[in-house]
């Protein structure tokens, strides 16, 4: 099973949607909540080049955000990444 990391916020509906999709697929993930943690948000921004949450990695591949995750699912490309 793939190593999945998601930087998220507890108040973000897009984060909730992304986590829901992963949970539906039975994927365990490492969640890094950036609420009130400027150092973690800076770390996320440095890695992703984006400042919005969620930011999702599958293994070493930066998937992007919620819309990107769902686009992979619609294209049939998410399951192979999750392998």
N, C-alpha and C. Protein backbone atom coordinates (compact mmCIF):
# COMPACT_ATOMS: atom_id res chain seq x y z
N UNK A 1 0.85 -1.18 0.00
CA UNK A 1 0.00 0.00 0.00
C UNK A 1 0.89 1.24 0.00
N UNK A 2 0.42 2.26 -0.66
CA UNK A 2 1.18 3.49 -0.81
C UNK A 2 1.26 4.27 0.50
N UNK A 3 2.28 5.11 0.59
CA UNK A 3 2.44 6.02 1.71
C UNK A 3 1.78 7.34 1.31
N UNK A 4 0.67 7.68 1.96
CA UNK A 4 -0.10 8.87 1.60
C UNK A 4 0.00 9.89 2.74
N UNK A 5 0.33 11.12 2.37
CA UNK A 5 0.41 12.23 3.33
C UNK A 5 -0.50 13.34 2.84
N UNK A 6 -1.28 13.88 3.76
CA UNK A 6 -2.16 15.00 3.42
C UNK A 6 -1.99 16.11 4.46
N UNK A 7 -1.62 17.28 3.98
CA UNK A 7 -1.59 18.48 4.81
C UNK A 7 -3.00 19.04 4.76
N UNK A 8 -3.59 19.31 5.92
CA UNK A 8 -4.99 19.71 5.94
C UNK A 8 -5.28 20.70 7.05
N UNK A 9 -6.55 21.12 7.06
CA UNK A 9 -7.09 21.98 8.10
C UNK A 9 -8.37 21.31 8.60
N UNK A 10 -8.64 21.44 9.87
CA UNK A 10 -9.86 20.85 10.43
C UNK A 10 -11.13 21.54 9.95
N UNK A 11 -11.00 22.73 9.37
CA UNK A 11 -12.16 23.53 9.00
C UNK A 11 -12.35 23.63 7.49
N UNK A 12 -11.63 22.83 6.74
CA UNK A 12 -11.62 22.95 5.28
C UNK A 12 -12.51 21.87 4.66
N UNK A 13 -13.58 22.27 3.96
CA UNK A 13 -14.45 21.27 3.34
C UNK A 13 -13.74 20.45 2.26
N UNK A 14 -12.78 21.05 1.58
CA UNK A 14 -12.04 20.31 0.55
C UNK A 14 -11.15 19.24 1.18
N UNK A 15 -10.60 19.55 2.35
CA UNK A 15 -9.81 18.56 3.08
C UNK A 15 -10.69 17.39 3.49
N UNK A 16 -11.88 17.71 3.96
CA UNK A 16 -12.82 16.66 4.38
C UNK A 16 -13.20 15.76 3.21
N UNK A 17 -13.42 16.37 2.05
CA UNK A 17 -13.78 15.59 0.85
C UNK A 17 -12.63 14.68 0.43
N UNK A 18 -11.43 15.21 0.44
CA UNK A 18 -10.26 14.42 0.03
C UNK A 18 -10.06 13.25 0.99
N UNK A 19 -10.15 13.52 2.29
CA UNK A 19 -9.99 12.45 3.28
C UNK A 19 -11.10 11.41 3.15
N UNK A 20 -12.31 11.86 2.85
CA UNK A 20 -13.43 10.94 2.68
C UNK A 20 -13.18 9.98 1.52
N UNK A 21 -12.70 10.50 0.40
CA UNK A 21 -12.40 9.63 -0.75
C UNK A 21 -11.35 8.60 -0.37
N UNK A 22 -10.30 9.04 0.28
CA UNK A 22 -9.24 8.11 0.68
C UNK A 22 -9.78 7.06 1.66
N UNK A 23 -10.62 7.49 2.58
CA UNK A 23 -11.19 6.55 3.55
C UNK A 23 -12.11 5.55 2.87
N UNK A 24 -12.90 6.01 1.88
CA UNK A 24 -13.77 5.11 1.12
C UNK A 24 -12.97 4.01 0.44
N UNK A 25 -11.76 4.36 0.02
CA UNK A 25 -10.90 3.41 -0.65
C UNK A 25 -10.11 2.55 0.33
N UNK A 26 -10.29 2.80 1.62
CA UNK A 26 -9.58 2.02 2.63
C UNK A 26 -8.12 2.39 2.76
N UNK A 27 -7.78 3.60 2.35
CA UNK A 27 -6.40 4.06 2.38
C UNK A 27 -6.09 4.70 3.73
N UNK A 28 -5.05 4.23 4.37
CA UNK A 28 -4.57 4.90 5.57
C UNK A 28 -3.65 6.03 5.13
N UNK A 29 -3.71 7.14 5.84
CA UNK A 29 -2.88 8.28 5.46
C UNK A 29 -2.35 8.98 6.69
N UNK A 30 -1.25 9.67 6.49
CA UNK A 30 -0.64 10.49 7.52
C UNK A 30 -1.18 11.90 7.33
N UNK A 31 -1.94 12.39 8.30
CA UNK A 31 -2.52 13.72 8.20
C UNK A 31 -1.70 14.70 9.03
N UNK A 32 -1.32 15.80 8.40
CA UNK A 32 -0.59 16.87 9.07
C UNK A 32 -1.50 18.09 9.09
N UNK A 33 -2.04 18.40 10.25
CA UNK A 33 -2.96 19.53 10.40
C UNK A 33 -2.15 20.81 10.60
N UNK A 34 -2.39 21.79 9.73
CA UNK A 34 -1.60 23.02 9.76
C UNK A 34 -2.28 24.16 10.51
N UNK A 35 -3.46 23.92 11.07
CA UNK A 35 -4.18 24.97 11.80
C UNK A 35 -3.32 25.56 12.90
N UNK A 36 -3.08 26.86 12.83
CA UNK A 36 -2.34 27.56 13.88
C UNK A 36 -0.87 27.18 13.96
N UNK A 37 -0.35 26.53 12.95
CA UNK A 37 1.04 26.07 12.96
C UNK A 37 1.76 26.62 11.73
N UNK A 38 2.24 27.83 11.86
CA UNK A 38 2.87 28.52 10.73
C UNK A 38 4.07 27.74 10.19
N UNK A 39 4.80 27.06 11.06
CA UNK A 39 5.97 26.31 10.60
C UNK A 39 5.55 25.15 9.69
N UNK A 40 4.46 24.47 10.03
CA UNK A 40 3.99 23.37 9.17
C UNK A 40 3.42 23.89 7.85
N UNK A 41 2.74 25.03 7.90
CA UNK A 41 2.21 25.61 6.66
C UNK A 41 3.36 26.04 5.75
N UNK A 42 4.42 26.61 6.33
CA UNK A 42 5.60 26.99 5.53
C UNK A 42 6.24 25.75 4.92
N UNK A 43 6.34 24.68 5.71
CA UNK A 43 6.91 23.43 5.22
C UNK A 43 6.09 22.91 4.04
N UNK A 44 4.76 22.92 4.17
CA UNK A 44 3.88 22.47 3.10
C UNK A 44 4.06 23.33 1.86
N UNK A 45 4.07 24.64 2.03
CA UNK A 45 4.21 25.56 0.90
C UNK A 45 5.54 25.35 0.20
N UNK A 46 6.60 25.13 0.96
CA UNK A 46 7.92 24.90 0.37
C UNK A 46 7.93 23.61 -0.45
N UNK A 47 7.29 22.57 0.05
CA UNK A 47 7.25 21.29 -0.66
C UNK A 47 6.34 21.33 -1.88
N UNK A 48 5.16 21.94 -1.71
CA UNK A 48 4.13 21.88 -2.76
C UNK A 48 4.19 23.04 -3.73
N UNK A 49 4.75 24.17 -3.29
CA UNK A 49 4.70 25.37 -4.12
C UNK A 49 3.31 26.00 -4.11
N UNK A 50 2.46 25.54 -3.22
CA UNK A 50 1.10 26.05 -3.06
C UNK A 50 0.84 26.30 -1.58
N UNK A 51 -0.03 27.27 -1.29
CA UNK A 51 -0.29 27.60 0.11
C UNK A 51 -1.66 27.13 0.60
N UNK A 52 -2.48 26.58 -0.29
CA UNK A 52 -3.82 26.14 0.10
C UNK A 52 -3.82 24.68 0.53
N UNK A 53 -4.80 24.34 1.37
CA UNK A 53 -4.97 22.96 1.80
C UNK A 53 -6.21 22.39 1.12
N UNK A 54 -6.27 21.12 0.91
CA UNK A 54 -5.26 20.13 1.24
C UNK A 54 -4.15 20.08 0.19
N UNK A 55 -3.02 19.57 0.59
CA UNK A 55 -1.94 19.21 -0.32
C UNK A 55 -1.64 17.74 -0.04
N UNK A 56 -1.63 16.95 -1.10
CA UNK A 56 -1.59 15.50 -0.95
C UNK A 56 -0.40 14.92 -1.70
N UNK A 57 0.28 13.99 -1.04
CA UNK A 57 1.36 13.23 -1.65
C UNK A 57 1.03 11.75 -1.58
N UNK A 58 1.30 11.05 -2.67
CA UNK A 58 1.23 9.59 -2.68
C UNK A 58 2.64 9.12 -2.98
N UNK A 59 3.22 8.46 -2.00
CA UNK A 59 4.65 8.14 -2.03
C UNK A 59 5.40 9.45 -2.22
N UNK A 60 6.23 9.57 -3.23
CA UNK A 60 6.98 10.82 -3.44
C UNK A 60 6.33 11.73 -4.47
N UNK A 61 5.14 11.37 -4.94
CA UNK A 61 4.46 12.14 -5.98
C UNK A 61 3.49 13.13 -5.36
N UNK A 62 3.70 14.42 -5.66
CA UNK A 62 2.76 15.45 -5.20
C UNK A 62 1.55 15.40 -6.12
N UNK A 63 0.42 15.01 -5.55
CA UNK A 63 -0.82 14.89 -6.31
C UNK A 63 -1.47 16.25 -6.49
N UNK A 64 -1.39 17.08 -5.47
CA UNK A 64 -2.04 18.39 -5.50
C UNK A 64 -3.10 18.47 -4.44
N UNK A 65 -4.23 19.10 -4.79
CA UNK A 65 -5.31 19.29 -3.84
C UNK A 65 -6.47 18.34 -4.07
N UNK A 66 -7.60 18.69 -3.50
CA UNK A 66 -8.79 17.86 -3.57
C UNK A 66 -9.26 17.67 -5.01
N UNK A 67 -9.35 18.75 -5.77
CA UNK A 67 -9.80 18.64 -7.16
C UNK A 67 -8.87 17.74 -7.96
N UNK A 68 -7.58 17.84 -7.70
CA UNK A 68 -6.59 17.01 -8.40
C UNK A 68 -6.78 15.53 -8.04
N UNK A 69 -7.05 15.26 -6.76
CA UNK A 69 -7.26 13.89 -6.31
C UNK A 69 -8.49 13.29 -6.98
N UNK A 70 -9.58 14.05 -7.03
CA UNK A 70 -10.80 13.57 -7.67
C UNK A 70 -10.63 13.43 -9.18
N UNK A 71 -9.84 14.28 -9.80
CA UNK A 71 -9.57 14.15 -11.23
C UNK A 71 -8.83 12.85 -11.53
N UNK A 72 -7.87 12.50 -10.66
CA UNK A 72 -7.17 11.22 -10.82
C UNK A 72 -8.15 10.07 -10.69
N UNK A 73 -9.06 10.17 -9.74
CA UNK A 73 -10.07 9.12 -9.54
C UNK A 73 -10.95 8.97 -10.78
N UNK A 74 -11.44 10.09 -11.32
CA UNK A 74 -12.30 10.05 -12.51
C UNK A 74 -11.58 9.47 -13.72
N UNK A 75 -10.29 9.74 -13.81
CA UNK A 75 -9.49 9.27 -14.94
C UNK A 75 -9.02 7.83 -14.76
N UNK A 76 -9.33 7.22 -13.61
CA UNK A 76 -8.90 5.86 -13.35
C UNK A 76 -7.42 5.73 -13.02
N UNK A 77 -6.81 6.84 -12.62
CA UNK A 77 -5.37 6.85 -12.35
C UNK A 77 -5.03 6.82 -10.86
N UNK A 78 -6.02 6.97 -9.99
CA UNK A 78 -5.75 7.01 -8.57
C UNK A 78 -5.38 5.63 -8.02
N UNK A 79 -6.18 4.63 -8.35
CA UNK A 79 -5.91 3.29 -7.81
C UNK A 79 -4.51 2.77 -8.15
N UNK A 80 -4.04 2.96 -9.39
CA UNK A 80 -2.67 2.52 -9.67
C UNK A 80 -1.61 3.22 -8.83
N UNK A 81 -1.84 4.51 -8.53
CA UNK A 81 -0.90 5.24 -7.66
C UNK A 81 -0.92 4.69 -6.24
N UNK A 82 -2.11 4.29 -5.81
CA UNK A 82 -2.26 3.79 -4.44
C UNK A 82 -1.74 2.37 -4.30
N UNK A 83 -1.66 1.66 -5.45
CA UNK A 83 -1.15 0.31 -5.58
C UNK A 83 -1.05 -0.47 -4.38
